[in-house]
Amino acid sequence: MTGPADALQPGAEAAALEQSLNAGELLQAIHHLLMARPEPAFLVGADGRVVAESPGGALARASLPGFDRVMAELVRQSPRKADFLVRPDLGVGLQVTPCSARGAAPAYLVIISKLAPAGRGRLTLRQAELIGLLQDGLSNAQIARRMGIAASTVKTMLERLYRFAGVSNRQSLVHWASGARIN
């Protein structure tokens, strides 16, 4: 028998968080997910306050200038669907997934990815965004829709990223990225 926590596995967050859970089930499922995340991840309430965080969350919160302001801005924007927001001024990308539960105020699952500046030997923000979507398990067609580009462009970007990382497939690229400076 599976419970709400079983529904939230990395790569399936967006679909699972759109299920109709009650507030207690949702918080339990998100807590389970946060504890499994290697990168800084947070559940942010409708007021912009952190409700729960991954084990690395406190350090990230302390090292990111203006963290509370950034979270308040994010909540004011009230994204209605999962999105990847790039904050080049802070050198991070924010993967934001809205969470809703019956009878509860909206909340957001926020995963922070550090971005290295573009240049020789560095990824561009778009490349980092593409890798983040790969890490979520999206197909080329899904990535193309999310990024607003053609599927053939995704394929070309992936081929360049494979050469850049010295790998030959998606799984190896995701593994490489987990140890690179973008996460």
N, C-alpha and C. Protein backbone atom coordinates (compact mmCIF):
# COMPACT_ATOMS: atom_id res chain seq x y z
N MET A 1 0.84 -1.18 0.00
CA MET A 1 0.00 0.00 0.00
C MET A 1 0.88 1.23 0.00
N THR A 2 0.56 2.21 -0.81
CA THR A 2 1.35 3.42 -0.88
C THR A 2 0.60 4.57 -0.25
N GLY A 3 1.37 5.48 0.31
CA GLY A 3 0.79 6.68 0.92
C GLY A 3 1.24 7.90 0.17
N PRO A 4 0.91 9.10 0.66
CA PRO A 4 1.27 10.31 -0.03
C PRO A 4 2.78 10.48 -0.16
N ALA A 5 3.55 10.03 0.83
CA ALA A 5 5.00 10.18 0.75
C ALA A 5 5.56 9.36 -0.40
N ASP A 6 4.95 8.20 -0.71
CA ASP A 6 5.44 7.38 -1.81
C ASP A 6 5.22 8.04 -3.16
N ALA A 7 4.27 8.94 -3.25
CA ALA A 7 3.97 9.60 -4.52
C ALA A 7 5.03 10.62 -4.89
N LEU A 8 5.80 11.11 -3.92
CA LEU A 8 6.75 12.18 -4.18
C LEU A 8 8.17 11.67 -4.26
N GLN A 9 8.54 11.20 -5.40
CA GLN A 9 9.90 10.77 -5.64
C GLN A 9 10.55 11.78 -6.57
N PRO A 10 11.88 12.04 -6.45
CA PRO A 10 12.53 13.00 -7.34
C PRO A 10 12.19 12.67 -8.79
N GLY A 11 11.89 13.69 -9.55
CA GLY A 11 11.51 13.53 -10.95
C GLY A 11 10.01 13.48 -11.15
N ALA A 12 9.26 13.24 -10.10
CA ALA A 12 7.80 13.14 -10.22
C ALA A 12 7.10 14.18 -9.36
N GLU A 13 7.86 15.15 -8.81
CA GLU A 13 7.28 16.12 -7.89
C GLU A 13 6.11 16.87 -8.50
N ALA A 14 6.30 17.43 -9.69
CA ALA A 14 5.27 18.30 -10.27
C ALA A 14 3.94 17.57 -10.41
N ALA A 15 3.98 16.36 -10.95
CA ALA A 15 2.73 15.63 -11.15
C ALA A 15 2.10 15.25 -9.82
N ALA A 16 2.93 14.81 -8.88
CA ALA A 16 2.39 14.35 -7.60
C ALA A 16 1.86 15.51 -6.77
N LEU A 17 2.50 16.67 -6.84
CA LEU A 17 2.06 17.79 -6.03
C LEU A 17 0.73 18.37 -6.51
N GLU A 18 0.33 18.02 -7.72
CA GLU A 18 -0.93 18.51 -8.23
C GLU A 18 -2.09 17.59 -7.82
N GLN A 19 -1.79 16.49 -7.15
CA GLN A 19 -2.84 15.63 -6.65
C GLN A 19 -3.63 16.38 -5.58
N SER A 20 -4.81 15.94 -5.35
CA SER A 20 -5.65 16.58 -4.34
C SER A 20 -5.42 15.91 -2.99
N LEU A 21 -4.45 16.41 -2.24
CA LEU A 21 -4.14 15.89 -0.91
C LEU A 21 -4.66 16.86 0.13
N ASN A 22 -4.93 16.36 1.33
CA ASN A 22 -5.25 17.31 2.39
C ASN A 22 -3.94 17.90 2.90
N ALA A 23 -4.01 18.96 3.68
CA ALA A 23 -2.82 19.69 4.10
C ALA A 23 -1.84 18.81 4.87
N GLY A 24 -2.33 17.96 5.75
CA GLY A 24 -1.45 17.08 6.52
C GLY A 24 -0.72 16.09 5.65
N GLU A 25 -1.44 15.48 4.70
CA GLU A 25 -0.82 14.53 3.78
C GLU A 25 0.22 15.22 2.91
N LEU A 26 -0.09 16.42 2.43
CA LEU A 26 0.84 17.15 1.59
C LEU A 26 2.11 17.49 2.36
N LEU A 27 1.98 17.98 3.58
CA LEU A 27 3.16 18.33 4.37
C LEU A 27 4.00 17.09 4.65
N GLN A 28 3.37 15.96 4.96
CA GLN A 28 4.09 14.72 5.20
C GLN A 28 4.85 14.29 3.94
N ALA A 29 4.20 14.36 2.79
CA ALA A 29 4.84 13.96 1.54
C ALA A 29 6.00 14.87 1.19
N ILE A 30 5.82 16.16 1.37
CA ILE A 30 6.90 17.11 1.05
C ILE A 30 8.06 16.94 2.02
N HIS A 31 7.79 16.72 3.28
CA HIS A 31 8.86 16.49 4.25
C HIS A 31 9.69 15.28 3.84
N HIS A 32 9.03 14.20 3.42
CA HIS A 32 9.73 13.00 2.94
C HIS A 32 10.61 13.35 1.73
N LEU A 33 10.06 14.10 0.80
CA LEU A 33 10.81 14.50 -0.38
C LEU A 33 12.01 15.37 -0.01
N LEU A 34 11.82 16.36 0.85
CA LEU A 34 12.90 17.25 1.22
C LEU A 34 14.06 16.50 1.85
N MET A 35 13.77 15.53 2.68
CA MET A 35 14.84 14.78 3.35
C MET A 35 15.66 13.95 2.37
N ALA A 36 15.08 13.67 1.20
CA ALA A 36 15.78 12.86 0.19
C ALA A 36 16.57 13.70 -0.81
N ARG A 37 16.42 15.02 -0.78
CA ARG A 37 17.05 15.88 -1.78
C ARG A 37 18.49 16.19 -1.40
N PRO A 38 19.43 16.02 -2.33
CA PRO A 38 20.82 16.38 -2.04
C PRO A 38 21.05 17.90 -2.12
N GLU A 39 20.24 18.60 -2.91
CA GLU A 39 20.42 20.04 -3.06
C GLU A 39 19.49 20.79 -2.10
N PRO A 40 19.77 22.08 -1.87
CA PRO A 40 18.88 22.85 -0.99
C PRO A 40 17.46 22.92 -1.56
N ALA A 41 16.49 22.54 -0.75
CA ALA A 41 15.10 22.56 -1.17
C ALA A 41 14.25 23.02 0.01
N PHE A 42 13.16 23.74 -0.31
CA PHE A 42 12.34 24.35 0.72
C PHE A 42 10.87 24.22 0.36
N LEU A 43 10.03 24.17 1.39
CA LEU A 43 8.60 24.37 1.22
C LEU A 43 8.35 25.77 1.74
N VAL A 44 7.85 26.64 0.86
CA VAL A 44 7.63 28.05 1.20
C VAL A 44 6.13 28.30 1.24
N GLY A 45 5.66 28.87 2.34
CA GLY A 45 4.24 29.14 2.51
C GLY A 45 3.80 30.36 1.73
N ALA A 46 2.50 30.61 1.73
CA ALA A 46 1.92 31.73 0.99
C ALA A 46 2.41 33.08 1.50
N ASP A 47 2.94 33.11 2.73
CA ASP A 47 3.47 34.36 3.29
C ASP A 47 4.96 34.55 2.99
N GLY A 48 5.58 33.61 2.26
CA GLY A 48 6.99 33.72 1.91
C GLY A 48 7.93 33.11 2.94
N ARG A 49 7.38 32.57 4.02
CA ARG A 49 8.21 31.95 5.05
C ARG A 49 8.48 30.49 4.73
N VAL A 50 9.67 30.02 5.13
CA VAL A 50 10.02 28.62 4.95
C VAL A 50 9.29 27.79 5.99
N VAL A 51 8.55 26.78 5.52
CA VAL A 51 7.79 25.89 6.38
C VAL A 51 8.62 24.64 6.71
N ALA A 52 9.38 24.16 5.72
CA ALA A 52 10.23 22.98 5.88
C ALA A 52 11.38 23.11 4.91
N GLU A 53 12.50 22.44 5.20
CA GLU A 53 13.66 22.52 4.32
C GLU A 53 14.43 21.22 4.33
N SER A 54 15.24 21.02 3.27
CA SER A 54 16.09 19.83 3.17
C SER A 54 17.26 19.99 4.15
N PRO A 55 18.03 18.92 4.37
CA PRO A 55 19.15 19.03 5.30
C PRO A 55 20.14 20.14 4.95
N GLY A 56 20.35 20.42 3.68
CA GLY A 56 21.27 21.48 3.27
C GLY A 56 20.63 22.86 3.17
N GLY A 57 19.36 22.94 3.52
CA GLY A 57 18.61 24.19 3.36
C GLY A 57 19.10 25.33 4.23
N ALA A 58 19.41 25.06 5.49
CA ALA A 58 19.82 26.13 6.41
C ALA A 58 21.10 26.80 5.94
N LEU A 59 22.06 26.01 5.47
CA LEU A 59 23.32 26.58 4.97
C LEU A 59 23.06 27.42 3.73
N ALA A 60 22.24 26.93 2.82
CA ALA A 60 21.93 27.69 1.61
C ALA A 60 21.21 28.98 1.96
N ARG A 61 20.29 28.90 2.91
CA ARG A 61 19.55 30.09 3.32
C ARG A 61 20.50 31.15 3.88
N ALA A 62 21.48 30.72 4.66
CA ALA A 62 22.43 31.65 5.26
C ALA A 62 23.39 32.23 4.22
N SER A 63 23.72 31.46 3.19
CA SER A 63 24.71 31.92 2.21
C SER A 63 24.11 32.68 1.03
N LEU A 64 22.81 32.64 0.87
CA LEU A 64 22.16 33.33 -0.25
C LEU A 64 21.71 34.71 0.22
N PRO A 65 22.35 35.79 -0.28
CA PRO A 65 21.96 37.13 0.17
C PRO A 65 20.50 37.43 -0.18
N GLY A 66 19.79 37.96 0.79
CA GLY A 66 18.41 38.34 0.54
C GLY A 66 17.46 37.18 0.35
N PHE A 67 17.74 36.05 0.98
CA PHE A 67 16.91 34.85 0.81
C PHE A 67 15.44 35.14 1.09
N ASP A 68 15.16 35.78 2.22
CA ASP A 68 13.76 36.06 2.58
C ASP A 68 13.08 36.96 1.56
N ARG A 69 13.81 37.94 1.03
CA ARG A 69 13.27 38.84 0.01
C ARG A 69 12.96 38.07 -1.27
N VAL A 70 13.88 37.18 -1.66
CA VAL A 70 13.69 36.38 -2.87
C VAL A 70 12.44 35.49 -2.73
N MET A 71 12.28 34.88 -1.57
CA MET A 71 11.11 34.01 -1.36
C MET A 71 9.82 34.84 -1.35
N ALA A 72 9.86 36.02 -0.76
CA ALA A 72 8.66 36.89 -0.75
C ALA A 72 8.30 37.31 -2.18
N GLU A 73 9.31 37.64 -3.01
CA GLU A 73 9.06 38.00 -4.41
C GLU A 73 8.44 36.82 -5.15
N LEU A 74 8.96 35.64 -4.90
CA LEU A 74 8.47 34.43 -5.56
C LEU A 74 6.98 34.23 -5.24
N VAL A 75 6.63 34.37 -3.98
CA VAL A 75 5.23 34.18 -3.56
C VAL A 75 4.33 35.25 -4.18
N ARG A 76 4.81 36.47 -4.27
CA ARG A 76 4.00 37.54 -4.89
C ARG A 76 3.69 37.22 -6.35
N GLN A 77 4.64 36.56 -7.04
CA GLN A 77 4.41 36.19 -8.44
C GLN A 77 3.36 35.09 -8.56
N SER A 78 3.16 34.32 -7.51
CA SER A 78 2.17 33.24 -7.46
C SER A 78 2.15 32.37 -8.71
N PRO A 79 3.28 31.70 -9.02
CA PRO A 79 3.27 30.84 -10.21
C PRO A 79 2.23 29.74 -10.07
N ARG A 80 1.50 29.47 -11.14
CA ARG A 80 0.43 28.47 -11.10
C ARG A 80 0.89 27.12 -11.65
N LYS A 81 2.07 27.08 -12.25
CA LYS A 81 2.60 25.82 -12.77
C LYS A 81 4.09 25.76 -12.46
N ALA A 82 4.65 24.57 -12.54
CA ALA A 82 6.08 24.39 -12.27
C ALA A 82 6.89 25.23 -13.24
N ASP A 83 7.95 25.84 -12.75
CA ASP A 83 8.76 26.72 -13.58
C ASP A 83 10.18 26.73 -13.06
N PHE A 84 11.11 27.15 -13.91
CA PHE A 84 12.50 27.32 -13.53
C PHE A 84 12.82 28.80 -13.69
N LEU A 85 13.10 29.46 -12.59
CA LEU A 85 13.38 30.90 -12.61
C LEU A 85 14.87 31.11 -12.43
N VAL A 86 15.48 31.87 -13.32
CA VAL A 86 16.91 32.14 -13.24
C VAL A 86 17.12 33.49 -12.58
N ARG A 87 17.97 33.52 -11.57
CA ARG A 87 18.33 34.75 -10.87
C ARG A 87 19.83 34.97 -11.05
N PRO A 88 20.24 35.51 -12.25
CA PRO A 88 21.67 35.69 -12.48
C PRO A 88 22.32 36.63 -11.48
N ASP A 89 21.54 37.57 -10.92
CA ASP A 89 22.08 38.49 -9.92
C ASP A 89 22.55 37.74 -8.67
N LEU A 90 21.95 36.59 -8.39
CA LEU A 90 22.33 35.80 -7.22
C LEU A 90 23.14 34.55 -7.60
N GLY A 91 23.24 34.30 -8.91
CA GLY A 91 23.97 33.12 -9.37
C GLY A 91 23.23 31.82 -9.11
N VAL A 92 21.90 31.88 -9.06
CA VAL A 92 21.12 30.67 -8.80
C VAL A 92 19.95 30.55 -9.75
N GLY A 93 19.46 29.35 -9.86
CA GLY A 93 18.20 29.08 -10.52
C GLY A 93 17.26 28.51 -9.47
N LEU A 94 16.00 28.82 -9.59
CA LEU A 94 15.00 28.35 -8.64
C LEU A 94 13.99 27.50 -9.39
N GLN A 95 13.94 26.23 -9.06
CA GLN A 95 12.91 25.36 -9.62
C GLN A 95 11.72 25.47 -8.67
N VAL A 96 10.61 25.99 -9.17
CA VAL A 96 9.45 26.28 -8.33
C VAL A 96 8.28 25.40 -8.76
N THR A 97 7.70 24.69 -7.80
CA THR A 97 6.53 23.86 -8.07
C THR A 97 5.43 24.25 -7.09
N PRO A 98 4.31 24.79 -7.58
CA PRO A 98 3.22 25.13 -6.67
C PRO A 98 2.61 23.86 -6.05
N CYS A 99 2.22 23.98 -4.81
CA CYS A 99 1.59 22.86 -4.09
C CYS A 99 0.23 23.34 -3.62
N SER A 100 -0.76 22.51 -3.76
CA SER A 100 -2.06 22.89 -3.24
C SER A 100 -2.65 21.70 -2.50
N ALA A 101 -3.35 21.99 -1.46
CA ALA A 101 -4.04 20.96 -0.70
C ALA A 101 -5.44 21.46 -0.39
N ARG A 102 -6.34 20.53 -0.26
CA ARG A 102 -7.71 20.90 0.09
C ARG A 102 -7.71 21.69 1.39
N GLY A 103 -8.33 22.85 1.39
CA GLY A 103 -8.49 23.63 2.60
C GLY A 103 -7.24 24.30 3.12
N ALA A 104 -6.21 24.44 2.30
CA ALA A 104 -4.96 25.06 2.76
C ALA A 104 -4.55 26.18 1.81
N ALA A 105 -3.79 27.13 2.36
CA ALA A 105 -3.25 28.22 1.52
C ALA A 105 -2.22 27.64 0.56
N PRO A 106 -2.00 28.28 -0.58
CA PRO A 106 -1.01 27.77 -1.52
C PRO A 106 0.38 27.80 -0.90
N ALA A 107 1.22 26.89 -1.36
CA ALA A 107 2.61 26.83 -0.94
C ALA A 107 3.44 26.45 -2.16
N TYR A 108 4.76 26.54 -2.04
CA TYR A 108 5.64 26.30 -3.18
C TYR A 108 6.82 25.45 -2.74
N LEU A 109 7.14 24.43 -3.55
CA LEU A 109 8.35 23.65 -3.36
C LEU A 109 9.42 24.37 -4.18
N VAL A 110 10.50 24.79 -3.54
CA VAL A 110 11.55 25.55 -4.20
C VAL A 110 12.86 24.78 -4.06
N ILE A 111 13.49 24.47 -5.19
CA ILE A 111 14.78 23.80 -5.20
C ILE A 111 15.79 24.76 -5.81
N ILE A 112 16.90 24.99 -5.11
CA ILE A 112 17.90 25.97 -5.54
C ILE A 112 19.05 25.26 -6.23
N SER A 113 19.42 25.76 -7.41
CA SER A 113 20.58 25.27 -8.15
C SER A 113 21.55 26.42 -8.32
N LYS A 114 22.81 26.21 -7.98
CA LYS A 114 23.81 27.24 -8.19
C LYS A 114 24.23 27.20 -9.66
N LEU A 115 24.39 28.37 -10.25
CA LEU A 115 24.78 28.47 -11.65
C LEU A 115 26.15 29.09 -11.75
N ALA A 116 27.01 28.48 -12.53
CA ALA A 116 28.32 29.05 -12.78
C ALA A 116 28.19 30.07 -13.90
N PRO A 117 28.95 31.16 -13.88
CA PRO A 117 28.87 32.12 -14.97
C PRO A 117 29.32 31.51 -16.29
N ALA A 118 28.69 31.97 -17.37
CA ALA A 118 29.05 31.46 -18.70
C ALA A 118 30.47 31.86 -19.04
N GLY A 119 31.07 31.14 -19.90
CA GLY A 119 32.43 31.43 -20.34
C GLY A 119 33.11 30.12 -20.68
N ARG A 120 34.38 30.20 -21.00
CA ARG A 120 35.11 29.00 -21.35
C ARG A 120 35.09 28.03 -20.17
N GLY A 121 34.62 26.83 -20.43
CA GLY A 121 34.57 25.82 -19.39
C GLY A 121 33.40 25.98 -18.42
N ARG A 122 32.46 26.86 -18.74
CA ARG A 122 31.30 27.09 -17.87
C ARG A 122 30.02 26.88 -18.66
N LEU A 123 28.95 26.52 -17.96
CA LEU A 123 27.65 26.36 -18.60
C LEU A 123 26.93 27.70 -18.67
N THR A 124 26.13 27.85 -19.71
CA THR A 124 25.25 29.02 -19.78
C THR A 124 24.03 28.75 -18.90
N LEU A 125 23.27 29.80 -18.63
CA LEU A 125 22.06 29.63 -17.83
C LEU A 125 21.06 28.70 -18.52
N ARG A 126 20.96 28.80 -19.85
CA ARG A 126 20.03 27.93 -20.59
C ARG A 126 20.47 26.47 -20.51
N GLN A 127 21.79 26.24 -20.60
CA GLN A 127 22.29 24.87 -20.48
C GLN A 127 21.99 24.32 -19.09
N ALA A 128 22.18 25.15 -18.07
CA ALA A 128 21.89 24.73 -16.70
C ALA A 128 20.39 24.44 -16.54
N GLU A 129 19.56 25.27 -17.17
CA GLU A 129 18.11 25.05 -17.12
C GLU A 129 17.76 23.71 -17.77
N LEU A 130 18.37 23.43 -18.93
CA LEU A 130 18.11 22.17 -19.63
C LEU A 130 18.53 20.99 -18.76
N ILE A 131 19.69 21.07 -18.12
CA ILE A 131 20.14 19.97 -17.27
C ILE A 131 19.20 19.80 -16.08
N GLY A 132 18.72 20.90 -15.52
CA GLY A 132 17.75 20.81 -14.42
C GLY A 132 16.49 20.07 -14.84
N LEU A 133 16.04 20.31 -16.07
CA LEU A 133 14.85 19.63 -16.57
C LEU A 133 15.15 18.15 -16.85
N LEU A 134 16.38 17.86 -17.28
CA LEU A 134 16.78 16.46 -17.45
C LEU A 134 16.76 15.74 -16.10
N GLN A 135 17.25 16.42 -15.08
CA GLN A 135 17.28 15.83 -13.74
C GLN A 135 15.87 15.53 -13.24
N ASP A 136 14.90 16.27 -13.73
CA ASP A 136 13.51 16.02 -13.36
C ASP A 136 12.89 14.89 -14.17
N GLY A 137 13.66 14.32 -15.12
CA GLY A 137 13.18 13.19 -15.89
C GLY A 137 12.33 13.55 -17.09
N LEU A 138 12.38 14.80 -17.55
CA LEU A 138 11.57 15.21 -18.69
C LEU A 138 12.16 14.69 -20.01
N SER A 139 11.28 14.43 -20.97
CA SER A 139 11.70 14.01 -22.31
C SER A 139 12.13 15.24 -23.11
N ASN A 140 12.74 15.02 -24.27
CA ASN A 140 13.13 16.14 -25.14
C ASN A 140 11.93 17.01 -25.50
N ALA A 141 10.80 16.37 -25.81
CA ALA A 141 9.61 17.13 -26.19
C ALA A 141 9.10 17.97 -25.01
N GLN A 142 9.12 17.40 -23.81
CA GLN A 142 8.68 18.14 -22.63
C GLN A 142 9.63 19.31 -22.32
N ILE A 143 10.92 19.06 -22.48
CA ILE A 143 11.92 20.11 -22.26
C ILE A 143 11.70 21.24 -23.27
N ALA A 144 11.47 20.87 -24.52
CA ALA A 144 11.26 21.87 -25.57
C ALA A 144 10.06 22.76 -25.23
N ARG A 145 8.96 22.13 -24.82
CA ARG A 145 7.77 22.92 -24.45
C ARG A 145 8.08 23.84 -23.27
N ARG A 146 8.74 23.31 -22.24
CA ARG A 146 9.02 24.09 -21.04
C ARG A 146 9.94 25.27 -21.33
N MET A 147 10.94 25.05 -22.22
CA MET A 147 11.91 26.11 -22.52
C MET A 147 11.46 27.00 -23.67
N GLY A 148 10.40 26.60 -24.37
CA GLY A 148 9.91 27.40 -25.49
C GLY A 148 10.81 27.33 -26.72
N ILE A 149 11.41 26.15 -26.95
CA ILE A 149 12.28 25.96 -28.11
C ILE A 149 11.86 24.69 -28.84
N ALA A 150 12.44 24.46 -30.02
CA ALA A 150 12.12 23.28 -30.81
C ALA A 150 12.81 22.04 -30.22
N ALA A 151 12.20 20.88 -30.42
CA ALA A 151 12.79 19.63 -29.94
C ALA A 151 14.15 19.40 -30.58
N SER A 152 14.31 19.81 -31.84
CA SER A 152 15.62 19.66 -32.51
C SER A 152 16.69 20.52 -31.83
N THR A 153 16.29 21.67 -31.30
CA THR A 153 17.23 22.53 -30.57
C THR A 153 17.65 21.85 -29.27
N VAL A 154 16.71 21.19 -28.61
CA VAL A 154 17.04 20.44 -27.39
C VAL A 154 18.07 19.37 -27.72
N LYS A 155 17.84 18.65 -28.82
CA LYS A 155 18.76 17.58 -29.22
C LYS A 155 20.16 18.15 -29.47
N THR A 156 20.24 19.27 -30.18
CA THR A 156 21.54 19.91 -30.46
C THR A 156 22.21 20.36 -29.17
N MET A 157 21.44 20.97 -28.28
CA MET A 157 22.00 21.41 -27.00
C MET A 157 22.54 20.22 -26.20
N LEU A 158 21.80 19.11 -26.22
CA LEU A 158 22.24 17.91 -25.50
C LEU A 158 23.54 17.37 -26.09
N GLU A 159 23.63 17.32 -27.42
CA GLU A 159 24.85 16.83 -28.06
C GLU A 159 26.05 17.68 -27.65
N ARG A 160 25.87 19.00 -27.59
CA ARG A 160 26.96 19.89 -27.17
C ARG A 160 27.30 19.68 -25.70
N LEU A 161 26.27 19.48 -24.88
CA LEU A 161 26.52 19.23 -23.46
C LEU A 161 27.23 17.89 -23.24
N TYR A 162 26.89 16.87 -24.03
CA TYR A 162 27.59 15.59 -23.93
C TYR A 162 29.08 15.79 -24.19
N ARG A 163 29.40 16.53 -25.26
CA ARG A 163 30.82 16.79 -25.57
C ARG A 163 31.48 17.59 -24.46
N PHE A 164 30.80 18.61 -23.98
CA PHE A 164 31.33 19.47 -22.92
C PHE A 164 31.67 18.65 -21.67
N ALA A 165 30.75 17.76 -21.28
CA ALA A 165 30.91 16.98 -20.06
C ALA A 165 31.73 15.70 -20.27
N GLY A 166 31.98 15.36 -21.53
CA GLY A 166 32.73 14.14 -21.82
C GLY A 166 31.93 12.88 -21.54
N VAL A 167 30.63 12.93 -21.81
CA VAL A 167 29.74 11.79 -21.59
C VAL A 167 29.03 11.46 -22.89
N SER A 168 28.29 10.35 -22.90
CA SER A 168 27.66 9.93 -24.14
C SER A 168 26.15 9.76 -24.05
N ASN A 169 25.54 10.00 -22.87
CA ASN A 169 24.09 9.82 -22.78
C ASN A 169 23.51 10.68 -21.66
N ARG A 170 22.18 10.73 -21.64
CA ARG A 170 21.45 11.57 -20.67
C ARG A 170 21.76 11.22 -19.23
N GLN A 171 21.72 9.93 -18.94
CA GLN A 171 21.95 9.49 -17.57
C GLN A 171 23.34 9.91 -17.09
N SER A 172 24.34 9.75 -17.94
CA SER A 172 25.70 10.16 -17.58
C SER A 172 25.80 11.67 -17.41
N LEU A 173 25.07 12.42 -18.23
CA LEU A 173 25.08 13.87 -18.11
C LEU A 173 24.46 14.30 -16.78
N VAL A 174 23.35 13.68 -16.40
CA VAL A 174 22.71 14.00 -15.12
C VAL A 174 23.65 13.66 -13.97
N HIS A 175 24.31 12.52 -14.06
CA HIS A 175 25.26 12.12 -13.02
C HIS A 175 26.42 13.12 -12.96
N TRP A 176 26.94 13.51 -14.12
CA TRP A 176 28.01 14.51 -14.17
C TRP A 176 27.55 15.83 -13.54
N ALA A 177 26.34 16.25 -13.86
CA ALA A 177 25.84 17.52 -13.36
C ALA A 177 25.67 17.53 -11.85
N SER A 178 25.37 16.38 -11.27
CA SER A 178 25.19 16.34 -9.82
C SER A 178 26.49 16.63 -9.08
N GLY A 179 27.62 16.41 -9.75
CA GLY A 179 28.92 16.70 -9.15
C GLY A 179 29.53 17.99 -9.65
N ALA A 180 28.90 18.62 -10.65
CA ALA A 180 29.42 19.87 -11.22
C ALA A 180 28.96 21.04 -10.37
N ARG A 181 29.39 22.24 -10.72
CA ARG A 181 29.09 23.43 -9.93
C ARG A 181 27.70 23.99 -10.20
N ILE A 182 26.84 23.30 -10.92
CA ILE A 182 25.51 23.85 -11.16
C ILE A 182 24.52 23.39 -10.12
N ASN A 183 24.86 22.43 -9.29
CA ASN A 183 23.95 21.94 -8.24
C ASN A 183 24.59 22.07 -6.90
